[in-house]
Amino acid sequence: MPKTPDGRTIPPLQAGERAMLESWLEYHRDTLVLKCTGVDDAQTRLASAEPSQLTLLGLVRHMADVERKWFQHVLAGRDVPLPYGEEKSYGFALDPDRGMDEALATWRAETDASRASAAGVTLDDTGQLPEQEAVMIGSRDVSLRWILLHMIEEYARHNGHADLIRERIDGATGV
């Protein structure tokens, strides 16, 4: 498969639905890592702009929580705590003793678990939303197709945030 100059695999231009969805999700996962590469711990904690507390480190932590929520909780029905959910801040709150290396290791473990959870499931198979979310959305059933699309959207939105934060840190921009 062709690669971007920075090494990310370009999603195929022609593929089946599942291959297309999974390759775009991987592309966006790789983009988040790219935005966090080459910066030191202090820079990963630099907020985007006042009053926002959004940081590269917080984004990686948040996405570890999001991966677990959608693939392990909702799709696989596992009752496991979120990696950073105990803070009730969706992973965005930072701990001075927990840095980017730990966050990326946790995030990588979660993406591996996500891939494993989705491996034996069809796009039409469903998981179950928690009752409080089901009330808002109108159903507890959510398909793997919906989860993959939502994850692509979630990463794309936060990769835009990461791009702006990275530009503030050192001027680096990119796609």
N, C-alpha and C. Protein backbone atom coordinates (compact mmCIF):
# COMPACT_ATOMS: atom_id res chain seq x y z
N MET A 1 0.84 -1.18 0.00
CA MET A 1 0.00 0.00 0.00
C MET A 1 0.88 1.25 0.00
N PRO A 2 0.44 2.28 -0.69
CA PRO A 2 1.23 3.53 -0.71
C PRO A 2 1.23 4.20 0.65
N LYS A 3 2.28 4.97 0.89
CA LYS A 3 2.45 5.67 2.17
C LYS A 3 2.60 7.16 1.93
N THR A 4 2.21 7.93 2.93
CA THR A 4 2.44 9.36 2.91
C THR A 4 3.93 9.60 3.16
N PRO A 5 4.45 10.79 2.87
CA PRO A 5 5.86 11.06 3.14
C PRO A 5 6.26 10.83 4.61
N ASP A 6 5.32 10.98 5.53
CA ASP A 6 5.63 10.77 6.94
C ASP A 6 5.45 9.32 7.39
N GLY A 7 5.09 8.42 6.46
CA GLY A 7 5.04 6.99 6.76
C GLY A 7 3.69 6.39 7.04
N ARG A 8 2.63 7.19 7.07
CA ARG A 8 1.29 6.62 7.29
C ARG A 8 0.81 5.91 6.04
N THR A 9 0.12 4.80 6.22
CA THR A 9 -0.45 4.06 5.09
C THR A 9 -1.68 4.79 4.58
N ILE A 10 -1.71 5.04 3.28
CA ILE A 10 -2.84 5.72 2.66
C ILE A 10 -3.97 4.70 2.50
N PRO A 11 -5.17 5.02 2.96
CA PRO A 11 -6.29 4.11 2.79
C PRO A 11 -6.53 3.81 1.31
N PRO A 12 -6.98 2.60 1.01
CA PRO A 12 -7.17 2.24 -0.40
C PRO A 12 -8.25 3.09 -1.05
N LEU A 13 -8.06 3.37 -2.33
CA LEU A 13 -9.05 4.13 -3.08
C LEU A 13 -10.21 3.26 -3.53
N GLN A 14 -9.97 1.98 -3.60
CA GLN A 14 -11.00 1.00 -3.97
C GLN A 14 -10.88 -0.16 -2.98
N ALA A 15 -11.95 -0.45 -2.26
CA ALA A 15 -11.95 -1.56 -1.32
C ALA A 15 -13.37 -1.83 -0.87
N GLY A 16 -13.56 -2.97 -0.23
CA GLY A 16 -14.85 -3.26 0.36
C GLY A 16 -15.10 -2.34 1.55
N GLU A 17 -16.35 -2.32 2.00
CA GLU A 17 -16.73 -1.40 3.06
C GLU A 17 -15.91 -1.58 4.32
N ARG A 18 -15.77 -2.81 4.80
CA ARG A 18 -15.05 -3.02 6.05
C ARG A 18 -13.58 -2.63 5.92
N ALA A 19 -12.95 -3.04 4.83
CA ALA A 19 -11.54 -2.69 4.62
C ALA A 19 -11.37 -1.17 4.57
N MET A 20 -12.32 -0.49 3.94
CA MET A 20 -12.25 0.96 3.83
C MET A 20 -12.39 1.61 5.21
N LEU A 21 -13.38 1.18 5.99
CA LEU A 21 -13.60 1.75 7.32
C LEU A 21 -12.40 1.49 8.23
N GLU A 22 -11.92 0.25 8.24
CA GLU A 22 -10.79 -0.07 9.12
C GLU A 22 -9.52 0.64 8.71
N SER A 23 -9.29 0.80 7.41
CA SER A 23 -8.06 1.47 6.98
C SER A 23 -8.11 2.97 7.30
N TRP A 24 -9.29 3.59 7.19
CA TRP A 24 -9.39 5.00 7.57
C TRP A 24 -9.23 5.18 9.07
N LEU A 25 -9.75 4.25 9.86
CA LEU A 25 -9.55 4.33 11.30
C LEU A 25 -8.07 4.21 11.64
N GLU A 26 -7.37 3.26 11.00
CA GLU A 26 -5.93 3.11 11.24
C GLU A 26 -5.16 4.36 10.82
N TYR A 27 -5.55 4.95 9.71
CA TYR A 27 -4.90 6.17 9.24
C TYR A 27 -5.02 7.28 10.30
N HIS A 28 -6.19 7.42 10.86
CA HIS A 28 -6.38 8.45 11.88
C HIS A 28 -5.69 8.11 13.19
N ARG A 29 -5.63 6.84 13.53
CA ARG A 29 -4.84 6.44 14.71
C ARG A 29 -3.38 6.82 14.49
N ASP A 30 -2.85 6.49 13.31
CA ASP A 30 -1.45 6.82 13.00
C ASP A 30 -1.22 8.34 13.01
N THR A 31 -2.22 9.10 12.58
CA THR A 31 -2.09 10.56 12.56
C THR A 31 -1.95 11.11 13.98
N LEU A 32 -2.71 10.57 14.92
CA LEU A 32 -2.59 11.03 16.30
C LEU A 32 -1.18 10.79 16.83
N VAL A 33 -0.63 9.61 16.57
CA VAL A 33 0.74 9.31 17.02
C VAL A 33 1.72 10.27 16.35
N LEU A 34 1.54 10.52 15.07
CA LEU A 34 2.43 11.43 14.35
C LEU A 34 2.45 12.82 15.00
N LYS A 35 1.28 13.31 15.39
CA LYS A 35 1.19 14.64 16.00
C LYS A 35 1.90 14.70 17.35
N CYS A 36 2.10 13.53 17.98
CA CYS A 36 2.74 13.48 19.30
C CYS A 36 4.21 13.10 19.23
N THR A 37 4.73 12.88 18.05
CA THR A 37 6.11 12.46 17.87
C THR A 37 7.03 13.68 17.79
N GLY A 38 8.14 13.60 18.50
CA GLY A 38 9.15 14.65 18.40
C GLY A 38 8.96 15.82 19.34
N VAL A 39 8.12 15.65 20.35
CA VAL A 39 7.93 16.70 21.34
C VAL A 39 8.28 16.15 22.71
N ASP A 40 8.72 17.02 23.61
CA ASP A 40 9.09 16.54 24.95
C ASP A 40 7.87 16.57 25.88
N ASP A 41 8.06 16.06 27.10
CA ASP A 41 6.95 15.93 28.03
C ASP A 41 6.27 17.26 28.32
N ALA A 42 7.05 18.30 28.52
CA ALA A 42 6.45 19.62 28.80
C ALA A 42 5.61 20.09 27.62
N GLN A 43 6.07 19.85 26.42
CA GLN A 43 5.32 20.27 25.23
C GLN A 43 4.01 19.49 25.09
N THR A 44 4.00 18.20 25.48
CA THR A 44 2.76 17.42 25.37
C THR A 44 1.71 17.91 26.35
N ARG A 45 2.12 18.69 27.34
CA ARG A 45 1.21 19.23 28.35
C ARG A 45 0.81 20.68 28.07
N LEU A 46 1.30 21.24 26.98
CA LEU A 46 1.00 22.63 26.62
C LEU A 46 -0.42 22.72 26.07
N ALA A 47 -1.24 23.54 26.70
CA ALA A 47 -2.64 23.70 26.27
C ALA A 47 -2.72 24.46 24.96
N SER A 48 -3.77 24.20 24.22
CA SER A 48 -3.94 24.79 22.90
C SER A 48 -4.04 26.30 22.95
N ALA A 49 -4.95 26.82 23.74
CA ALA A 49 -5.15 28.27 23.89
C ALA A 49 -6.09 28.49 25.06
N GLU A 50 -5.87 29.55 25.80
CA GLU A 50 -6.75 29.88 26.93
C GLU A 50 -8.18 30.05 26.44
N PRO A 51 -9.17 29.62 27.13
CA PRO A 51 -9.14 28.95 28.42
C PRO A 51 -9.07 27.42 28.30
N SER A 52 -8.88 26.89 27.10
CA SER A 52 -8.89 25.45 26.89
C SER A 52 -7.76 24.76 27.64
N GLN A 53 -8.04 23.58 28.14
CA GLN A 53 -7.04 22.73 28.78
C GLN A 53 -6.61 21.60 27.85
N LEU A 54 -6.98 21.67 26.57
CA LEU A 54 -6.71 20.62 25.60
C LEU A 54 -5.22 20.53 25.31
N THR A 55 -4.64 19.33 25.49
CA THR A 55 -3.22 19.08 25.26
C THR A 55 -3.04 17.82 24.43
N LEU A 56 -1.86 17.65 23.86
CA LEU A 56 -1.57 16.40 23.15
C LEU A 56 -1.67 15.20 24.09
N LEU A 57 -1.11 15.33 25.28
CA LEU A 57 -1.17 14.24 26.25
C LEU A 57 -2.62 13.93 26.61
N GLY A 58 -3.41 14.95 26.84
CA GLY A 58 -4.81 14.73 27.16
C GLY A 58 -5.57 14.07 26.02
N LEU A 59 -5.25 14.41 24.78
CA LEU A 59 -5.91 13.79 23.63
C LEU A 59 -5.60 12.30 23.55
N VAL A 60 -4.36 11.92 23.78
CA VAL A 60 -4.00 10.49 23.74
C VAL A 60 -4.71 9.74 24.86
N ARG A 61 -4.72 10.32 26.05
CA ARG A 61 -5.42 9.69 27.18
C ARG A 61 -6.92 9.57 26.87
N HIS A 62 -7.50 10.62 26.34
CA HIS A 62 -8.92 10.60 25.99
C HIS A 62 -9.22 9.50 24.99
N MET A 63 -8.38 9.38 23.96
CA MET A 63 -8.64 8.39 22.93
C MET A 63 -8.46 6.95 23.46
N ALA A 64 -7.63 6.76 24.46
CA ALA A 64 -7.55 5.44 25.10
C ALA A 64 -8.88 5.11 25.77
N ASP A 65 -9.47 6.09 26.46
CA ASP A 65 -10.80 5.89 27.06
C ASP A 65 -11.85 5.62 25.99
N VAL A 66 -11.82 6.39 24.91
CA VAL A 66 -12.81 6.24 23.84
C VAL A 66 -12.70 4.86 23.19
N GLU A 67 -11.48 4.42 22.91
CA GLU A 67 -11.28 3.08 22.34
C GLU A 67 -11.91 2.03 23.25
N ARG A 68 -11.61 2.09 24.55
CA ARG A 68 -12.15 1.09 25.46
C ARG A 68 -13.67 1.16 25.53
N LYS A 69 -14.19 2.37 25.62
CA LYS A 69 -15.65 2.51 25.73
C LYS A 69 -16.36 1.84 24.56
N TRP A 70 -15.96 2.19 23.35
CA TRP A 70 -16.73 1.72 22.19
C TRP A 70 -16.46 0.28 21.82
N PHE A 71 -15.23 -0.19 21.94
CA PHE A 71 -14.94 -1.56 21.51
C PHE A 71 -15.08 -2.59 22.62
N GLN A 72 -14.67 -2.25 23.83
CA GLN A 72 -14.78 -3.22 24.90
C GLN A 72 -16.11 -3.13 25.64
N HIS A 73 -16.51 -1.92 26.03
CA HIS A 73 -17.78 -1.78 26.76
C HIS A 73 -18.97 -2.04 25.85
N VAL A 74 -19.10 -1.23 24.79
CA VAL A 74 -20.30 -1.27 23.96
C VAL A 74 -20.31 -2.51 23.07
N LEU A 75 -19.28 -2.71 22.26
CA LEU A 75 -19.29 -3.81 21.30
C LEU A 75 -19.17 -5.17 21.97
N ALA A 76 -18.17 -5.34 22.83
CA ALA A 76 -17.91 -6.65 23.43
C ALA A 76 -18.66 -6.87 24.75
N GLY A 77 -19.25 -5.84 25.31
CA GLY A 77 -20.02 -6.00 26.54
C GLY A 77 -19.20 -6.29 27.78
N ARG A 78 -17.94 -5.90 27.75
CA ARG A 78 -17.07 -6.14 28.91
C ARG A 78 -17.23 -5.04 29.95
N ASP A 79 -17.22 -5.44 31.20
CA ASP A 79 -17.32 -4.48 32.30
C ASP A 79 -15.92 -4.24 32.86
N VAL A 80 -15.18 -3.38 32.17
CA VAL A 80 -13.82 -3.05 32.58
C VAL A 80 -13.75 -1.53 32.76
N PRO A 81 -13.00 -1.07 33.76
CA PRO A 81 -12.94 0.39 33.97
C PRO A 81 -12.19 1.07 32.83
N LEU A 82 -12.56 2.31 32.59
CA LEU A 82 -11.83 3.11 31.60
C LEU A 82 -10.43 3.39 32.13
N PRO A 83 -9.42 3.43 31.27
CA PRO A 83 -8.05 3.69 31.74
C PRO A 83 -7.92 4.97 32.54
N TYR A 84 -8.61 6.03 32.13
CA TYR A 84 -8.50 7.32 32.80
C TYR A 84 -9.86 7.82 33.28
N GLY A 85 -10.88 7.01 33.16
CA GLY A 85 -12.23 7.42 33.48
C GLY A 85 -12.47 7.71 34.94
N GLU A 86 -11.60 7.20 35.82
CA GLU A 86 -11.80 7.46 37.24
C GLU A 86 -11.69 8.95 37.55
N GLU A 87 -11.09 9.70 36.67
CA GLU A 87 -10.94 11.14 36.87
C GLU A 87 -12.20 11.90 36.46
N LYS A 88 -13.14 11.21 35.82
CA LYS A 88 -14.38 11.82 35.33
C LYS A 88 -14.12 13.03 34.44
N SER A 89 -13.01 12.97 33.72
CA SER A 89 -12.66 14.08 32.84
C SER A 89 -12.43 13.59 31.42
N TYR A 90 -12.86 12.37 31.13
CA TYR A 90 -12.72 11.78 29.81
C TYR A 90 -11.26 11.66 29.38
N GLY A 91 -10.34 11.58 30.35
CA GLY A 91 -8.93 11.42 30.06
C GLY A 91 -8.17 12.71 29.87
N PHE A 92 -8.85 13.82 29.81
CA PHE A 92 -8.18 15.09 29.52
C PHE A 92 -7.39 15.65 30.70
N ALA A 93 -7.79 15.34 31.93
CA ALA A 93 -7.06 15.84 33.10
C ALA A 93 -5.69 15.17 33.15
N LEU A 94 -4.67 15.94 33.47
CA LEU A 94 -3.31 15.43 33.46
C LEU A 94 -2.81 15.16 34.88
N ASP A 95 -1.90 14.19 34.97
CA ASP A 95 -1.26 13.82 36.23
C ASP A 95 0.23 14.08 36.03
N PRO A 96 0.88 14.82 36.93
CA PRO A 96 2.30 15.14 36.74
C PRO A 96 3.19 13.89 36.70
N ASP A 97 2.71 12.78 37.26
CA ASP A 97 3.52 11.56 37.30
C ASP A 97 3.25 10.61 36.14
N ARG A 98 2.33 10.97 35.24
CA ARG A 98 1.99 10.09 34.12
C ARG A 98 2.17 10.87 32.83
N GLY A 99 3.16 10.46 32.03
CA GLY A 99 3.51 11.20 30.83
C GLY A 99 3.10 10.52 29.54
N MET A 100 3.64 11.03 28.45
CA MET A 100 3.26 10.57 27.12
C MET A 100 3.66 9.12 26.85
N ASP A 101 4.83 8.68 27.32
CA ASP A 101 5.23 7.29 27.07
C ASP A 101 4.20 6.33 27.65
N GLU A 102 3.77 6.60 28.89
CA GLU A 102 2.76 5.75 29.53
C GLU A 102 1.43 5.87 28.79
N ALA A 103 1.05 7.07 28.41
CA ALA A 103 -0.23 7.27 27.72
C ALA A 103 -0.25 6.55 26.37
N LEU A 104 0.85 6.64 25.62
CA LEU A 104 0.90 5.94 24.33
C LEU A 104 0.88 4.43 24.51
N ALA A 105 1.55 3.92 25.54
CA ALA A 105 1.52 2.47 25.80
C ALA A 105 0.10 2.03 26.13
N THR A 106 -0.59 2.80 26.96
CA THR A 106 -1.98 2.49 27.30
C THR A 106 -2.85 2.56 26.06
N TRP A 107 -2.70 3.62 25.28
CA TRP A 107 -3.47 3.79 24.05
C TRP A 107 -3.22 2.64 23.08
N ARG A 108 -1.96 2.25 22.92
CA ARG A 108 -1.65 1.13 22.01
C ARG A 108 -2.30 -0.16 22.49
N ALA A 109 -2.28 -0.41 23.78
CA ALA A 109 -2.94 -1.60 24.33
C ALA A 109 -4.44 -1.55 24.04
N GLU A 110 -5.02 -0.36 24.14
CA GLU A 110 -6.45 -0.23 23.86
C GLU A 110 -6.76 -0.42 22.38
N THR A 111 -5.92 0.11 21.49
CA THR A 111 -6.18 -0.09 20.06
C THR A 111 -6.02 -1.57 19.70
N ASP A 112 -5.06 -2.25 20.31
CA ASP A 112 -4.92 -3.70 20.08
C ASP A 112 -6.16 -4.44 20.56
N ALA A 113 -6.67 -4.07 21.73
CA ALA A 113 -7.89 -4.70 22.26
C ALA A 113 -9.09 -4.38 21.38
N SER A 114 -9.13 -3.18 20.84
CA SER A 114 -10.23 -2.79 19.94
C SER A 114 -10.22 -3.65 18.70
N ARG A 115 -9.05 -3.83 18.10
CA ARG A 115 -8.95 -4.67 16.90
C ARG A 115 -9.40 -6.09 17.22
N ALA A 116 -8.98 -6.61 18.36
CA ALA A 116 -9.36 -7.96 18.75
C ALA A 116 -10.87 -8.07 18.98
N SER A 117 -11.46 -7.07 19.60
CA SER A 117 -12.91 -7.09 19.85
C SER A 117 -13.71 -7.07 18.55
N ALA A 118 -13.21 -6.37 17.55
CA ALA A 118 -13.93 -6.25 16.28
C ALA A 118 -13.64 -7.40 15.32
N ALA A 119 -12.60 -8.16 15.57
CA ALA A 119 -12.13 -9.16 14.60
C ALA A 119 -13.19 -10.19 14.21
N GLY A 120 -13.93 -10.70 15.14
CA GLY A 120 -14.90 -11.75 14.82
C GLY A 120 -16.32 -11.26 14.66
N VAL A 121 -16.49 -9.96 14.45
CA VAL A 121 -17.80 -9.33 14.43
C VAL A 121 -18.07 -8.79 13.03
N THR A 122 -19.30 -8.96 12.54
CA THR A 122 -19.64 -8.37 11.25
C THR A 122 -20.02 -6.90 11.44
N LEU A 123 -20.04 -6.17 10.35
CA LEU A 123 -20.41 -4.76 10.42
C LEU A 123 -21.83 -4.55 10.94
N ASP A 124 -22.69 -5.54 10.75
CA ASP A 124 -24.08 -5.44 11.18
C ASP A 124 -24.31 -5.95 12.60
N ASP A 125 -23.34 -6.65 13.18
CA ASP A 125 -23.48 -7.11 14.56
C ASP A 125 -23.54 -5.89 15.48
N THR A 126 -24.24 -6.04 16.60
CA THR A 126 -24.43 -4.90 17.48
C THR A 126 -23.90 -5.15 18.88
N GLY A 127 -23.57 -4.05 19.51
CA GLY A 127 -23.27 -4.00 20.92
C GLY A 127 -24.37 -3.21 21.60
N GLN A 128 -24.23 -3.03 22.90
CA GLN A 128 -25.27 -2.38 23.67
C GLN A 128 -24.75 -1.10 24.34
N LEU A 129 -25.43 0.00 24.07
CA LEU A 129 -25.13 1.26 24.74
C LEU A 129 -25.64 1.21 26.18
N PRO A 130 -25.00 1.93 27.09
CA PRO A 130 -25.56 2.08 28.43
C PRO A 130 -26.94 2.74 28.34
N GLU A 131 -27.79 2.43 29.30
CA GLU A 131 -29.17 2.92 29.28
C GLU A 131 -29.27 4.44 29.15
N GLN A 132 -28.43 5.19 29.88
CA GLN A 132 -28.52 6.66 29.83
C GLN A 132 -28.21 7.20 28.44
N GLU A 133 -27.32 6.57 27.70
CA GLU A 133 -27.03 7.00 26.33
C GLU A 133 -28.10 6.54 25.37
N ALA A 134 -28.65 5.35 25.62
CA ALA A 134 -29.70 4.83 24.76
C ALA A 134 -30.93 5.72 24.78
N VAL A 135 -31.25 6.29 25.92
CA VAL A 135 -32.39 7.19 26.03
C VAL A 135 -32.19 8.39 25.11
N MET A 136 -30.98 8.94 25.10
CA MET A 136 -30.68 10.11 24.28
C MET A 136 -30.71 9.76 22.79
N ILE A 137 -30.18 8.59 22.43
CA ILE A 137 -30.06 8.21 21.02
C ILE A 137 -31.31 7.51 20.49
N GLY A 138 -32.01 6.80 21.37
CA GLY A 138 -33.24 6.15 20.95
C GLY A 138 -33.17 4.64 20.82
N SER A 139 -32.00 4.07 21.06
CA SER A 139 -31.86 2.62 20.99
C SER A 139 -30.59 2.21 21.74
N ARG A 140 -30.62 1.00 22.27
CA ARG A 140 -29.40 0.48 22.91
C ARG A 140 -28.50 -0.19 21.89
N ASP A 141 -29.07 -0.67 20.79
CA ASP A 141 -28.30 -1.41 19.80
C ASP A 141 -27.50 -0.48 18.90
N VAL A 142 -26.21 -0.77 18.78
CA VAL A 142 -25.34 0.02 17.91
C VAL A 142 -24.44 -0.95 17.16
N SER A 143 -24.39 -0.80 15.83
CA SER A 143 -23.64 -1.74 15.00
C SER A 143 -22.15 -1.42 14.99
N LEU A 144 -21.36 -2.43 14.64
CA LEU A 144 -19.93 -2.20 14.46
C LEU A 144 -19.71 -1.15 13.37
N ARG A 145 -20.51 -1.15 12.33
CA ARG A 145 -20.39 -0.14 11.27
C ARG A 145 -20.49 1.27 11.87
N TRP A 146 -21.50 1.49 12.73
CA TRP A 146 -21.69 2.79 13.36
C TRP A 146 -20.49 3.13 14.24
N ILE A 147 -20.01 2.16 15.00
CA ILE A 147 -18.86 2.38 15.89
C ILE A 147 -17.63 2.79 15.08
N LEU A 148 -17.35 2.07 13.99
CA LEU A 148 -16.19 2.42 13.16
C LEU A 148 -16.32 3.83 12.59
N LEU A 149 -17.50 4.17 12.09
CA LEU A 149 -17.70 5.53 11.56
C LEU A 149 -17.55 6.57 12.67
N HIS A 150 -18.11 6.28 13.82
CA HIS A 150 -17.98 7.22 14.94
C HIS A 150 -16.51 7.38 15.34
N MET A 151 -15.76 6.29 15.38
CA MET A 151 -14.35 6.38 15.76
C MET A 151 -13.55 7.19 14.74
N ILE A 152 -13.84 7.02 13.46
CA ILE A 152 -13.18 7.83 12.43
C ILE A 152 -13.48 9.31 12.67
N GLU A 153 -14.74 9.62 12.94
CA GLU A 153 -15.14 11.00 13.22
C GLU A 153 -14.46 11.54 14.47
N GLU A 154 -14.40 10.72 15.51
CA GLU A 154 -13.78 11.14 16.77
C GLU A 154 -12.29 11.44 16.58
N TYR A 155 -11.60 10.54 15.90
CA TYR A 155 -10.18 10.77 15.64
C TYR A 155 -9.96 11.98 14.72
N ALA A 156 -10.77 12.10 13.67
CA ALA A 156 -10.59 13.22 12.75
C ALA A 156 -10.75 14.56 13.48
N ARG A 157 -11.77 14.65 14.32
CA ARG A 157 -12.00 15.88 15.08
C ARG A 157 -10.81 16.18 16.00
N HIS A 158 -10.38 15.16 16.75
CA HIS A 158 -9.29 15.39 17.69
C HIS A 158 -7.93 15.53 17.00
N ASN A 159 -7.77 14.94 15.82
CA ASN A 159 -6.53 15.16 15.08
C ASN A 159 -6.44 16.61 14.60
N GLY A 160 -7.58 17.22 14.31
CA GLY A 160 -7.58 18.64 14.00
C GLY A 160 -7.13 19.46 15.20
N HIS A 161 -7.63 19.08 16.39
CA HIS A 161 -7.16 19.75 17.61
C HIS A 161 -5.65 19.55 17.76
N ALA A 162 -5.20 18.29 17.58
CA ALA A 162 -3.77 17.98 17.74
C ALA A 162 -2.92 18.78 16.76
N ASP A 163 -3.42 18.97 15.55
CA ASP A 163 -2.68 19.73 14.55
C ASP A 163 -2.49 21.17 15.01
N LEU A 164 -3.54 21.76 15.56
CA LEU A 164 -3.44 23.14 16.05
C LEU A 164 -2.51 23.24 17.26
N ILE A 165 -2.60 22.27 18.16
CA ILE A 165 -1.71 22.28 19.33
C ILE A 165 -0.26 22.13 18.88
N ARG A 166 -0.01 21.20 17.97
CA ARG A 166 1.35 20.98 17.49
C ARG A 166 1.89 22.22 16.78
N GLU A 167 1.05 22.89 16.01
CA GLU A 167 1.49 24.11 15.35
C GLU A 167 1.87 25.17 16.38
N ARG A 168 1.12 25.24 17.47
CA ARG A 168 1.46 26.19 18.53
C ARG A 168 2.79 25.84 19.19
N ILE A 169 3.06 24.54 19.35
CA ILE A 169 4.28 24.11 20.02
C ILE A 169 5.53 24.44 19.20
N ASP A 170 5.52 24.02 17.94
CA ASP A 170 6.76 24.16 17.17
C ASP A 170 6.57 24.54 15.71
N GLY A 171 5.34 24.92 15.35
CA GLY A 171 5.10 25.34 13.98
C GLY A 171 4.83 24.21 13.01
N ALA A 172 4.94 22.95 13.47
CA ALA A 172 4.73 21.81 12.58
C ALA A 172 3.26 21.71 12.20
N THR A 173 3.02 21.59 10.91
CA THR A 173 1.66 21.39 10.40
C THR A 173 1.67 20.22 9.44
N GLY A 174 0.54 19.80 9.05
CA GLY A 174 0.48 18.69 8.10
C GLY A 174 -0.90 18.11 8.03
N VAL A 175 -1.00 17.07 7.23
CA VAL A 175 -2.30 16.40 7.04
C VAL A 175 -2.39 15.16 7.86
